[in-house]
Amino acid sequence: MKLSDLCLVFFVVEIIVFTVLDIRFEQLEAMAEITNAYNTALDNAVDDGCFYLVEVDSSRNLYTNKEAAVEQFFSSLYANLGVMGQSFQEEKLSRYIPVILVTDRDGFYIYYTAAILSGGEKRLDKRWSEKLHYVYEDDRYVIKFTLGNEIILFEKESMEIWEGEYRDIRELTECSFLEEEEVFETIRRKTIIQSISKNMNLYINYYNSIASDFGITYEFWLPEIDRTDWDRTIDDVSLFVLFQGYPYDAAALDTYNRYVFGGARIAKSKVYYINVKLEKKFYHSENCEEVLIDKGIPYYTKEECAKEGAFPCNKCIP
């Protein structure tokens, strides 16, 4: 073969290679833009859901409103991705969310997908698990942890049960891991993470067993979760969403996969109380000596207190 022919072949191959690479780079750039749009839509939807995660009831007590949080999450996600009101597209999108986790102070719930028979046809149905607990067990004790320092301790031999702050309970028992705060915290955190991971894997695996019947070939899995995200889950009421296998395009050559944590992150974690002194209202922090005996009605923001005409206490400076 002549040198000129070799050069021609080389140039043709080079053009083909660079054309293929150029097309792939364009595809990657397009995917990056789509990924950013999906990230924003998912982040905003989780934030919107978290806004409704903790509510105040008629007695001004806090409670976790998981139903409202998840409903708002889906509404926001559908709107952000442009499928709001399109029932088929909404249902299709929801299939790529195998589980949603809501952590509560004394346990957690998993919003999962089940296969049911309705009108002689098999269909997918979203439902809640029962409340699952953060339970640790050894040869002598069974302990239910919380996101705080409160525990329920059961001693197997005596059949006794203690409930309260762990520092108080350790004075009444011989439970060794209550003696040192660092050991207690290590076991508490490990138990919460293992309890959540174990149950989420169970529900994800169940979804994998039924998803193919509805045209979903992607195999869902629980990714390795960053420690920072676990810390947020362990320390606060939170919402976790797993979004996987969502195709970028009709060819489905690449899929969008991401998990998002969102904490309630509200000032409701701080509690204020109002009393009247010399015909003037003052609001106090939870542990202020002015309200230790008679706390009264709880308020969860300084703005709420101000609307009641109360001024900040000059002792506790809330």
C-alpha atoms as a PDB file:
ATOM      1  CA  MET A   1       0.000   0.000   0.000  1.00  0.00           C
ATOM      2  CA  LYS A   2       1.277   3.396  -0.929  1.00  0.00           C
ATOM      3  CA  LEU A   3       2.163   5.901   1.753  1.00  0.00           C
ATOM      4  CA  SER A   4      -0.533   8.222   0.439  1.00  0.00           C
ATOM      5  CA  ASP A   5      -3.108   5.471   0.870  1.00  0.00           C
ATOM      6  CA  LEU A   6      -1.950   4.842   4.442  1.00  0.00           C
ATOM      7  CA  CYS A   7      -2.239   8.533   5.201  1.00  0.00           C
ATOM      8  CA  LEU A   8      -5.751   8.594   3.779  1.00  0.00           C
ATOM      9  CA  VAL A   9      -6.776   5.612   5.909  1.00  0.00           C
ATOM     10  CA  PHE A  10      -5.210   7.239   8.956  1.00  0.00           C
ATOM     11  CA  PHE A  11      -7.105  10.490   8.391  1.00  0.00           C
ATOM     12  CA  VAL A  12     -10.400   8.658   7.847  1.00  0.00           C
ATOM     13  CA  VAL A  13      -9.944   6.688  11.086  1.00  0.00           C
ATOM     14  CA  GLU A  14      -8.938   9.866  12.902  1.00  0.00           C
ATOM     15  CA  ILE A  15     -12.052  11.671  11.688  1.00  0.00           C
ATOM     16  CA  ILE A  16     -14.268   8.785  12.789  1.00  0.00           C
ATOM     17  CA  VAL A  17     -12.642   8.617  16.231  1.00  0.00           C
ATOM     18  CA  PHE A  18     -12.870  12.349  16.825  1.00  0.00           C
ATOM     19  CA  THR A  19     -16.476  12.405  15.567  1.00  0.00           C
ATOM     20  CA  VAL A  20     -17.417   9.638  17.996  1.00  0.00           C
ATOM     21  CA  LEU A  21     -15.591  11.390  20.838  1.00  0.00           C
ATOM     22  CA  ASP A  22     -17.225  14.702  19.987  1.00  0.00           C
ATOM     23  CA  ILE A  23     -20.664  13.108  20.031  1.00  0.00           C
ATOM     24  CA  ARG A  24     -19.894  11.469  23.379  1.00  0.00           C
ATOM     25  CA  PHE A  25     -18.630  14.745  24.853  1.00  0.00           C
ATOM     26  CA  GLU A  26     -21.832  16.455  23.733  1.00  0.00           C
ATOM     27  CA  GLN A  27     -23.832  13.658  25.329  1.00  0.00           C
ATOM     28  CA  LEU A  28     -21.871  14.019  28.578  1.00  0.00           C
ATOM     29  CA  GLU A  29     -22.412  17.787  28.599  1.00  0.00           C
ATOM     30  CA  ALA A  30     -26.130  17.285  28.024  1.00  0.00           C
ATOM     31  CA  MET A  31     -26.220  14.674  30.799  1.00  0.00           C
ATOM     32  CA  ALA A  32     -24.412  17.057  33.154  1.00  0.00           C
ATOM     33  CA  GLU A  33     -27.053  19.728  32.521  1.00  0.00           C
ATOM     34  CA  ILE A  34     -29.871  17.226  33.026  1.00  0.00           C
ATOM     35  CA  THR A  35     -28.199  15.904  36.185  1.00  0.00           C
ATOM     36  CA  ASN A  36     -28.018  19.414  37.636  1.00  0.00           C
ATOM     37  CA  ALA A  37     -31.693  19.937  36.825  1.00  0.00           C
ATOM     38  CA  TYR A  38     -32.617  16.613  38.447  1.00  0.00           C
ATOM     39  CA  ASN A  39     -30.469  17.405  41.492  1.00  0.00           C
ATOM     40  CA  THR A  40     -32.187  20.746  41.961  1.00  0.00           C
ATOM     41  CA  ALA A  41     -35.650  19.214  41.524  1.00  0.00           C
ATOM     42  CA  LEU A  42     -34.908  16.449  44.034  1.00  0.00           C
ATOM     43  CA  ASP A  43     -33.247  18.743  46.587  1.00  0.00           C
ATOM     44  CA  ASN A  44     -36.139  21.206  46.464  1.00  0.00           C
ATOM     45  CA  ALA A  45     -38.713  18.418  46.740  1.00  0.00           C
ATOM     46  CA  VAL A  46     -37.008  16.980  49.837  1.00  0.00           C
ATOM     47  CA  ASP A  47     -36.762  20.442  51.395  1.00  0.00           C
ATOM     48  CA  ASP A  48     -40.466  21.022  50.706  1.00  0.00           C
ATOM     49  CA  GLY A  49     -41.315  17.674  52.285  1.00  0.00           C
ATOM     50  CA  CYS A  50     -39.215  18.435  55.368  1.00  0.00           C
ATOM     51  CA  PHE A  51     -41.136  21.663  55.898  1.00  0.00           C
ATOM     52  CA  TYR A  52     -44.211  19.554  56.752  1.00  0.00           C
ATOM     53  CA  LEU A  53     -42.344  16.803  58.582  1.00  0.00           C
ATOM     54  CA  VAL A  54     -42.813  18.196  62.086  1.00  0.00           C
ATOM     55  CA  GLU A  55     -46.121  19.807  63.043  1.00  0.00           C
ATOM     56  CA  VAL A  56     -47.725  21.259  66.150  1.00  0.00           C
ATOM     57  CA  ASP A  57     -51.017  19.709  67.284  1.00  0.00           C
ATOM     58  CA  SER A  58     -53.953  21.451  68.961  1.00  0.00           C
ATOM     59  CA  SER A  59     -52.264  21.000  72.355  1.00  0.00           C
ATOM     60  CA  ARG A  60     -49.095  22.586  70.968  1.00  0.00           C
ATOM     61  CA  ASN A  61     -47.177  19.322  71.158  1.00  0.00           C
ATOM     62  CA  LEU A  62     -44.830  18.328  68.347  1.00  0.00           C
ATOM     63  CA  TYR A  63     -45.526  15.286  66.218  1.00  0.00           C
ATOM     64  CA  THR A  64     -44.058  13.791  63.054  1.00  0.00           C
ATOM     65  CA  ASN A  65     -46.429  14.161  60.113  1.00  0.00           C
ATOM     66  CA  LYS A  66     -44.858  11.658  57.723  1.00  0.00           C
ATOM     67  CA  GLU A  67     -47.914  11.511  55.443  1.00  0.00           C
ATOM     68  CA  ALA A  68     -47.942  15.262  54.821  1.00  0.00           C
ATOM     69  CA  ALA A  69     -44.174  15.301  54.278  1.00  0.00           C
ATOM     70  CA  VAL A  70     -44.225  12.540  51.643  1.00  0.00           C
ATOM     71  CA  GLU A  71     -47.303  13.955  49.902  1.00  0.00           C
ATOM     72  CA  GLN A  72     -45.607  17.343  49.629  1.00  0.00           C
ATOM     73  CA  PHE A  73     -42.378  15.727  48.445  1.00  0.00           C
ATOM     74  CA  PHE A  74     -44.100  13.979  45.532  1.00  0.00           C
ATOM     75  CA  SER A  75     -46.163  17.040  44.627  1.00  0.00           C
ATOM     76  CA  SER A  76     -43.045  19.177  44.507  1.00  0.00           C
ATOM     77  CA  LEU A  77     -41.063  16.567  42.557  1.00  0.00           C
ATOM     78  CA  TYR A  78     -43.808  16.174  39.955  1.00  0.00           C
ATOM     79  CA  ALA A  79     -44.046  19.942  39.552  1.00  0.00           C
ATOM     80  CA  ASN A  80     -40.270  20.405  39.360  1.00  0.00           C
ATOM     81  CA  LEU A  81     -39.941  17.729  36.668  1.00  0.00           C
ATOM     82  CA  GLY A  82     -42.912  18.997  34.677  1.00  0.00           C
ATOM     83  CA  VAL A  83     -45.282  16.033  35.081  1.00  0.00           C
ATOM     84  CA  MET A  84     -47.751  17.485  37.589  1.00  0.00           C
ATOM     85  CA  GLY A  85     -51.304  16.421  36.746  1.00  0.00           C
ATOM     86  CA  GLN A  86     -50.170  13.747  34.279  1.00  0.00           C
ATOM     87  CA  SER A  87     -51.159  10.637  36.218  1.00  0.00           C
ATOM     88  CA  PHE A  88     -49.353   8.180  33.949  1.00  0.00           C
ATOM     89  CA  GLN A  89     -46.087  10.140  34.088  1.00  0.00           C
ATOM     90  CA  GLU A  90     -46.425  10.685  37.834  1.00  0.00           C
ATOM     91  CA  GLU A  91     -46.905   6.972  38.437  1.00  0.00           C
ATOM     92  CA  LYS A  92     -44.007   6.130  36.129  1.00  0.00           C
ATOM     93  CA  LEU A  93     -41.712   8.565  37.946  1.00  0.00           C
ATOM     94  CA  SER A  94     -42.654   7.206  41.368  1.00  0.00           C
ATOM     95  CA  ARG A  95     -41.520   3.717  40.321  1.00  0.00           C
ATOM     96  CA  TYR A  96     -37.922   4.902  40.459  1.00  0.00           C
ATOM     97  CA  ILE A  97     -38.255   5.687  44.171  1.00  0.00           C
ATOM     98  CA  PRO A  98     -38.185   2.244  45.836  1.00  0.00           C
ATOM     99  CA  VAL A  99     -38.132   3.530  49.423  1.00  0.00           C
ATOM    100  CA  ILE A 100     -38.498   6.682  51.470  1.00  0.00           C
ATOM    101  CA  LEU A 101     -37.297   6.737  55.063  1.00  0.00           C
ATOM    102  CA  VAL A 102     -38.694   8.920  57.856  1.00  0.00           C
ATOM    103  CA  THR A 103     -36.793   8.863  61.133  1.00  0.00           C
ATOM    104  CA  ASP A 104     -38.661   9.722  64.312  1.00  0.00           C
ATOM    105  CA  ARG A 105     -37.375  10.211  67.841  1.00  0.00           C
ATOM    106  CA  ASP A 106     -38.115   6.654  68.979  1.00  0.00           C
ATOM    107  CA  GLY A 107     -38.186   4.746  65.699  1.00  0.00           C
ATOM    108  CA  PHE A 108     -38.546   5.038  61.949  1.00  0.00           C
ATOM    109  CA  TYR A 109     -40.930   4.337  59.089  1.00  0.00           C
ATOM    110  CA  ILE A 110     -40.273   3.139  55.558  1.00  0.00           C
ATOM    111  CA  TYR A 111     -42.544   4.165  52.700  1.00  0.00           C
ATOM    112  CA  TYR A 112     -42.283   1.300  50.255  1.00  0.00           C
ATOM    113  CA  THR A 113     -43.917  -0.171  47.169  1.00  0.00           C
ATOM    114  CA  ALA A 114     -45.982  -3.355  47.289  1.00  0.00           C
ATOM    115  CA  ALA A 115     -47.654  -5.414  44.568  1.00  0.00           C
ATOM    116  CA  ILE A 116     -51.393  -5.911  45.091  1.00  0.00           C
ATOM    117  CA  LEU A 117     -54.326  -7.370  43.160  1.00  0.00           C
ATOM    118  CA  SER A 118     -57.045  -4.874  42.303  1.00  0.00           C
ATOM    119  CA  GLY A 119     -59.960  -5.686  39.998  1.00  0.00           C
ATOM    120  CA  GLY A 120     -58.213  -8.840  38.899  1.00  0.00           C
ATOM    121  CA  GLU A 121     -55.098  -6.903  37.878  1.00  0.00           C
ATOM    122  CA  LYS A 122     -51.747  -6.647  39.556  1.00  0.00           C
ATOM    123  CA  ARG A 123     -50.624  -3.103  40.351  1.00  0.00           C
ATOM    124  CA  LEU A 124     -48.138  -1.234  42.499  1.00  0.00           C
ATOM    125  CA  ASP A 125     -49.261   0.400  45.716  1.00  0.00           C
ATOM    126  CA  LYS A 126     -47.321   2.741  48.018  1.00  0.00           C
ATOM    127  CA  ARG A 127     -47.712   2.102  51.730  1.00  0.00           C
ATOM    128  CA  TRP A 128     -46.093   2.671  55.125  1.00  0.00           C
ATOM    129  CA  SER A 129     -44.350   0.113  57.267  1.00  0.00           C
ATOM    130  CA  GLU A 130     -45.227  -0.105  60.920  1.00  0.00           C
ATOM    131  CA  LYS A 131     -42.980   1.903  63.227  1.00  0.00           C
ATOM    132  CA  LEU A 132     -39.630   0.128  63.443  1.00  0.00           C
ATOM    133  CA  HIS A 133     -37.372   0.628  66.443  1.00  0.00           C
ATOM    134  CA  TYR A 134     -33.691   1.135  67.159  1.00  0.00           C
ATOM    135  CA  VAL A 135     -33.172  -2.072  69.146  1.00  0.00           C
ATOM    136  CA  TYR A 136     -29.964  -3.476  70.618  1.00  0.00           C
ATOM    137  CA  GLU A 137     -29.752  -6.827  72.378  1.00  0.00           C
ATOM    138  CA  ASP A 138     -27.058  -8.759  74.227  1.00  0.00           C
ATOM    139  CA  ASP A 139     -27.096 -11.705  76.637  1.00  0.00           C
ATOM    140  CA  ARG A 140     -28.568  -9.685  79.521  1.00  0.00           C
ATOM    141  CA  TYR A 141     -30.402  -6.702  78.093  1.00  0.00           C
ATOM    142  CA  VAL A 142     -32.692  -5.461  75.353  1.00  0.00           C
ATOM    143  CA  ILE A 143     -32.537  -1.727  74.812  1.00  0.00           C
ATOM    144  CA  LYS A 144     -34.569   0.629  72.664  1.00  0.00           C
ATOM    145  CA  PHE A 145     -32.613   3.717  71.714  1.00  0.00           C
ATOM    146  CA  THR A 146     -33.918   7.091  70.570  1.00  0.00           C
ATOM    147  CA  LEU A 147     -32.397   9.976  68.632  1.00  0.00           C
ATOM    148  CA  GLY A 148     -31.612  11.479  72.030  1.00  0.00           C
ATOM    149  CA  ASN A 149     -30.472  10.169  75.409  1.00  0.00           C
ATOM    150  CA  GLU A 150     -33.787   8.596  76.404  1.00  0.00           C
ATOM    151  CA  ILE A 151     -33.889   4.787  76.402  1.00  0.00           C
ATOM    152  CA  ILE A 152     -36.055   1.841  77.402  1.00  0.00           C
ATOM    153  CA  LEU A 153     -33.995  -0.899  79.063  1.00  0.00           C
ATOM    154  CA  PHE A 154     -35.280  -4.444  79.635  1.00  0.00           C
ATOM    155  CA  GLU A 155     -33.322  -6.871  81.829  1.00  0.00           C
ATOM    156  CA  LYS A 156     -34.006 -10.438  80.748  1.00  0.00           C
ATOM    157  CA  GLU A 157     -33.315 -12.210  84.050  1.00  0.00           C
ATOM    158  CA  SER A 158     -35.309  -9.941  86.376  1.00  0.00           C
ATOM    159  CA  MET A 159     -37.879  -8.963  83.723  1.00  0.00           C
ATOM    160  CA  GLU A 160     -37.524  -5.375  84.930  1.00  0.00           C
ATOM    161  CA  ILE A 161     -38.015  -2.401  82.637  1.00  0.00           C
ATOM    162  CA  TRP A 162     -36.497   1.055  83.055  1.00  0.00           C
ATOM    163  CA  GLU A 163     -37.469   4.042  80.955  1.00  0.00           C
ATOM    164  CA  GLY A 164     -35.915   7.493  80.935  1.00  0.00           C
ATOM    165  CA  GLU A 165     -32.635   9.346  80.490  1.00  0.00           C
ATOM    166  CA  TYR A 166     -29.773   6.853  80.292  1.00  0.00           C
ATOM    167  CA  ARG A 167     -27.661   8.716  82.891  1.00  0.00           C
ATOM    168  CA  ASP A 168     -30.438   8.200  85.439  1.00  0.00           C
ATOM    169  CA  ILE A 169     -30.941   4.541  84.520  1.00  0.00           C
ATOM    170  CA  ARG A 170     -27.262   3.634  84.808  1.00  0.00           C
ATOM    171  CA  GLU A 171     -27.449   4.409  88.531  1.00  0.00           C
ATOM    172  CA  LEU A 172     -30.128   1.735  88.908  1.00  0.00           C
ATOM    173  CA  THR A 173     -28.619  -1.087  86.849  1.00  0.00           C
ATOM    174  CA  GLU A 174     -25.360  -2.900  86.186  1.00  0.00           C
ATOM    175  CA  CYS A 175     -25.550  -2.359  82.444  1.00  0.00           C
ATOM    176  CA  SER A 176     -21.894  -1.817  81.547  1.00  0.00           C
ATOM    177  CA  PHE A 177     -22.262   0.189  78.335  1.00  0.00           C
ATOM    178  CA  LEU A 178     -24.279   2.866  80.140  1.00  0.00           C
ATOM    179  CA  GLU A 179     -21.344   3.698  82.398  1.00  0.00           C
ATOM    180  CA  GLU A 180     -19.249   5.573  79.852  1.00  0.00           C
ATOM    181  CA  GLU A 181     -20.817   8.233  77.650  1.00  0.00           C
ATOM    182  CA  GLU A 182     -18.510   7.476  74.706  1.00  0.00           C
ATOM    183  CA  VAL A 183     -19.396   3.755  74.760  1.00  0.00           C
ATOM    184  CA  PHE A 184     -23.098   4.508  75.041  1.00  0.00           C
ATOM    185  CA  GLU A 185     -22.976   6.926  72.108  1.00  0.00           C
ATOM    186  CA  THR A 186     -20.996   4.479  69.949  1.00  0.00           C
ATOM    187  CA  ILE A 187     -23.504   1.673  70.527  1.00  0.00           C
ATOM    188  CA  ARG A 188     -26.472   4.005  70.084  1.00  0.00           C
ATOM    189  CA  ARG A 189     -25.273   5.324  66.737  1.00  0.00           C
ATOM    190  CA  LYS A 190     -24.245   1.891  65.475  1.00  0.00           C
ATOM    191  CA  THR A 191     -27.614   0.423  66.462  1.00  0.00           C
ATOM    192  CA  ILE A 192     -29.586   3.167  64.705  1.00  0.00           C
ATOM    193  CA  ILE A 193     -27.546   2.857  61.498  1.00  0.00           C
ATOM    194  CA  GLN A 194     -27.742  -0.940  61.446  1.00  0.00           C
ATOM    195  CA  SER A 195     -31.488  -0.978  62.183  1.00  0.00           C
ATOM    196  CA  ILE A 196     -32.207   1.466  59.351  1.00  0.00           C
ATOM    197  CA  SER A 197     -29.839  -0.183  56.855  1.00  0.00           C
ATOM    198  CA  LYS A 198     -31.132  -3.699  57.537  1.00  0.00           C
ATOM    199  CA  ASN A 199     -34.777  -2.778  57.062  1.00  0.00           C
ATOM    200  CA  MET A 200     -34.210  -0.555  54.045  1.00  0.00           C
ATOM    201  CA  ASN A 201     -32.331  -3.390  52.347  1.00  0.00           C
ATOM    202  CA  LEU A 202     -35.246  -5.736  53.065  1.00  0.00           C
ATOM    203  CA  TYR A 203     -37.759  -3.419  51.395  1.00  0.00           C
ATOM    204  CA  ILE A 204     -35.439  -2.634  48.479  1.00  0.00           C
ATOM    205  CA  ASN A 205     -34.879  -6.342  47.836  1.00  0.00           C
ATOM    206  CA  TYR A 206     -38.626  -6.931  47.983  1.00  0.00           C
ATOM    207  CA  TYR A 207     -39.137  -4.207  45.382  1.00  0.00           C
ATOM    208  CA  ASN A 208     -36.520  -5.809  43.150  1.00  0.00           C
ATOM    209  CA  SER A 209     -38.490  -9.059  43.314  1.00  0.00           C
ATOM    210  CA  ILE A 210     -41.648  -7.411  41.912  1.00  0.00           C
ATOM    211  CA  ALA A 211     -40.334  -4.524  39.767  1.00  0.00           C
ATOM    212  CA  SER A 212     -39.708  -6.625  36.649  1.00  0.00           C
ATOM    213  CA  ASP A 213     -43.426  -7.473  36.481  1.00  0.00           C
ATOM    214  CA  PHE A 214     -44.048  -3.785  35.783  1.00  0.00           C
ATOM    215  CA  GLY A 215     -41.395  -3.267  33.133  1.00  0.00           C
ATOM    216  CA  ILE A 216     -38.588  -2.125  35.455  1.00  0.00           C
ATOM    217  CA  THR A 217     -35.362  -4.018  34.796  1.00  0.00           C
ATOM    218  CA  TYR A 218     -33.095  -1.846  36.944  1.00  0.00           C
ATOM    219  CA  GLU A 219     -31.818  -3.518  40.130  1.00  0.00           C
ATOM    220  CA  PHE A 220     -32.198  -1.142  43.039  1.00  0.00           C
ATOM    221  CA  TRP A 221     -29.681  -1.109  45.878  1.00  0.00           C
ATOM    222  CA  LEU A 222     -28.811   0.832  48.996  1.00  0.00           C
ATOM    223  CA  PRO A 223     -25.667   2.855  48.271  1.00  0.00           C
ATOM    224  CA  GLU A 224     -22.909   3.531  50.755  1.00  0.00           C
ATOM    225  CA  ILE A 225     -24.111   6.511  52.746  1.00  0.00           C
ATOM    226  CA  ASP A 226     -21.776   9.287  53.737  1.00  0.00           C
ATOM    227  CA  ARG A 227     -21.111   9.579  57.470  1.00  0.00           C
ATOM    228  CA  THR A 228     -22.195  13.228  57.468  1.00  0.00           C
ATOM    229  CA  ASP A 229     -25.598  12.170  56.160  1.00  0.00           C
ATOM    230  CA  TRP A 230     -25.849   9.449  58.794  1.00  0.00           C
ATOM    231  CA  ASP A 231     -25.028  12.015  61.475  1.00  0.00           C
ATOM    232  CA  ARG A 232     -27.963  14.160  60.361  1.00  0.00           C
ATOM    233  CA  THR A 233     -30.244  11.134  60.461  1.00  0.00           C
ATOM    234  CA  ILE A 234     -29.107  10.066  63.904  1.00  0.00           C
ATOM    235  CA  ASP A 235     -29.457  13.515  65.452  1.00  0.00           C
ATOM    236  CA  ASP A 236     -32.752  14.771  64.077  1.00  0.00           C
ATOM    237  CA  VAL A 237     -36.119  13.840  62.626  1.00  0.00           C
ATOM    238  CA  SER A 238     -35.338  13.446  58.945  1.00  0.00           C
ATOM    239  CA  LEU A 239     -36.451  12.399  55.473  1.00  0.00           C
ATOM    240  CA  PHE A 240     -34.391  10.136  53.201  1.00  0.00           C
ATOM    241  CA  VAL A 241     -35.275   9.542  49.541  1.00  0.00           C
ATOM    242  CA  LEU A 242     -33.665   6.966  47.254  1.00  0.00           C
ATOM    243  CA  PHE A 243     -34.078   7.811  43.560  1.00  0.00           C
ATOM    244  CA  GLN A 244     -32.484   5.248  41.213  1.00  0.00           C
ATOM    245  CA  GLY A 245     -32.565   3.896  37.677  1.00  0.00           C
ATOM    246  CA  TYR A 246     -34.290   6.911  36.131  1.00  0.00           C
ATOM    247  CA  PRO A 247     -33.285   6.958  32.426  1.00  0.00           C
ATOM    248  CA  TYR A 248     -31.782  10.133  30.999  1.00  0.00           C
ATOM    249  CA  ASP A 249     -33.325   9.415  27.613  1.00  0.00           C
ATOM    250  CA  ALA A 250     -35.406   6.885  25.703  1.00  0.00           C
ATOM    251  CA  ALA A 251     -32.338   4.794  24.883  1.00  0.00           C
ATOM    252  CA  ALA A 252     -31.758   4.368  28.648  1.00  0.00           C
ATOM    253  CA  LEU A 253     -28.000   4.042  28.111  1.00  0.00           C
ATOM    254  CA  ASP A 254     -27.386   5.944  31.348  1.00  0.00           C
ATOM    255  CA  THR A 255     -29.516   6.342  34.455  1.00  0.00           C
ATOM    256  CA  TYR A 256     -29.826   8.961  37.162  1.00  0.00           C
ATOM    257  CA  ASN A 257     -29.061   7.628  40.652  1.00  0.00           C
ATOM    258  CA  ARG A 258     -29.007   9.625  43.847  1.00  0.00           C
ATOM    259  CA  TYR A 259     -30.083   9.648  47.466  1.00  0.00           C
ATOM    260  CA  VAL A 260     -31.017  12.770  49.423  1.00  0.00           C
ATOM    261  CA  PHE A 261     -31.283  13.357  53.167  1.00  0.00           C
ATOM    262  CA  GLY A 262     -33.207  16.243  54.628  1.00  0.00           C
ATOM    263  CA  GLY A 263     -33.526  17.120  58.308  1.00  0.00           C
ATOM    264  CA  ALA A 264     -36.541  18.854  59.816  1.00  0.00           C
ATOM    265  CA  ARG A 265     -34.061  21.654  60.625  1.00  0.00           C
ATOM    266  CA  ILE A 266     -36.628  23.811  62.319  1.00  0.00           C
ATOM    267  CA  ALA A 267     -36.561  26.030  65.359  1.00  0.00           C
ATOM    268  CA  LYS A 268     -39.210  23.724  66.847  1.00  0.00           C
ATOM    269  CA  SER A 269     -36.291  21.816  68.343  1.00  0.00           C
ATOM    270  CA  LYS A 270     -36.004  24.838  70.673  1.00  0.00           C
ATOM    271  CA  VAL A 271     -38.852  25.410  73.061  1.00  0.00           C
ATOM    272  CA  TYR A 272     -39.790  28.689  74.724  1.00  0.00           C
ATOM    273  CA  TYR A 273     -42.279  29.442  77.497  1.00  0.00           C
ATOM    274  CA  ILE A 274     -44.064  32.649  78.380  1.00  0.00           C
ATOM    275  CA  ASN A 275     -44.923  33.941  81.824  1.00  0.00           C
ATOM    276  CA  VAL A 276     -46.232  37.237  83.153  1.00  0.00           C
ATOM    277  CA  LYS A 277     -44.229  39.336  85.596  1.00  0.00           C
ATOM    278  CA  LEU A 278     -45.369  42.737  86.804  1.00  0.00           C
ATOM    279  CA  GLU A 279     -48.124  42.685  84.171  1.00  0.00           C
ATOM    280  CA  LYS A 280     -45.539  42.214  81.424  1.00  0.00           C
ATOM    281  CA  LYS A 281     -45.006  39.078  79.313  1.00  0.00           C
ATOM    282  CA  PHE A 282     -41.572  37.488  78.997  1.00  0.00           C
ATOM    283  CA  TYR A 283     -40.481  34.425  77.070  1.00  0.00           C
ATOM    284  CA  HIS A 284     -37.846  32.053  78.423  1.00  0.00           C
ATOM    285  CA  SER A 285     -35.694  29.171  77.293  1.00  0.00           C
ATOM    286  CA  GLU A 286     -36.793  25.695  78.349  1.00  0.00           C
ATOM    287  CA  ASN A 287     -34.433  25.461  81.343  1.00  0.00           C
ATOM    288  CA  CYS A 288     -34.820  28.984  82.670  1.00  0.00           C
ATOM    289  CA  GLU A 289     -35.412  29.060  86.446  1.00  0.00           C
ATOM    290  CA  GLU A 290     -38.312  31.462  85.902  1.00  0.00           C
ATOM    291  CA  VAL A 291     -40.425  28.710  84.302  1.00  0.00           C
ATOM    292  CA  LEU A 292     -39.117  25.492  85.886  1.00  0.00           C
ATOM    293  CA  ILE A 293     -42.187  25.062  88.105  1.00  0.00           C
ATOM    294  CA  ASP A 294     -44.969  26.102  85.721  1.00  0.00           C
ATOM    295  CA  LYS A 295     -43.954  26.034  82.069  1.00  0.00           C
ATOM    296  CA  GLY A 296     -47.367  26.497  80.508  1.00  0.00           C
ATOM    297  CA  ILE A 297     -47.846  26.490  76.727  1.00  0.00           C
ATOM    298  CA  PRO A 298     -44.781  25.743  74.567  1.00  0.00           C
ATOM    299  CA  TYR A 299     -43.757  28.014  71.702  1.00  0.00           C
ATOM    300  CA  TYR A 300     -41.260  26.980  69.054  1.00  0.00           C
ATOM    301  CA  THR A 301     -39.959  30.241  67.629  1.00  0.00           C
ATOM    302  CA  LYS A 302     -39.116  33.643  69.031  1.00  0.00           C
ATOM    303  CA  GLU A 303     -41.454  35.097  66.426  1.00  0.00           C
ATOM    304  CA  GLU A 304     -44.383  33.217  67.979  1.00  0.00           C
ATOM    305  CA  CYS A 305     -43.483  34.626  71.377  1.00  0.00           C
ATOM    306  CA  ALA A 306     -43.223  38.138  70.002  1.00  0.00           C
ATOM    307  CA  LYS A 307     -46.674  37.849  68.429  1.00  0.00           C
ATOM    308  CA  GLU A 308     -47.991  37.117  71.927  1.00  0.00           C
ATOM    309  CA  GLY A 309     -46.485  40.412  73.077  1.00  0.00           C
ATOM    310  CA  ALA A 310     -43.678  38.770  75.059  1.00  0.00           C
ATOM    311  CA  PHE A 311     -40.179  40.158  75.565  1.00  0.00           C
ATOM    312  CA  PRO A 312     -37.012  38.059  75.968  1.00  0.00           C
ATOM    313  CA  CYS A 313     -36.024  37.160  79.535  1.00  0.00           C
ATOM    314  CA  ASN A 314     -32.989  39.145  80.693  1.00  0.00           C
ATOM    315  CA  LYS A 315     -31.734  36.193  82.781  1.00  0.00           C
ATOM    316  CA  CYS A 316     -31.620  33.260  80.362  1.00  0.00           C
ATOM    317  CA  ILE A 317     -31.365  35.494  77.263  1.00  0.00           C
ATOM    318  CA  PRO A 318     -33.154  32.996  74.950  1.00  0.00           C
END
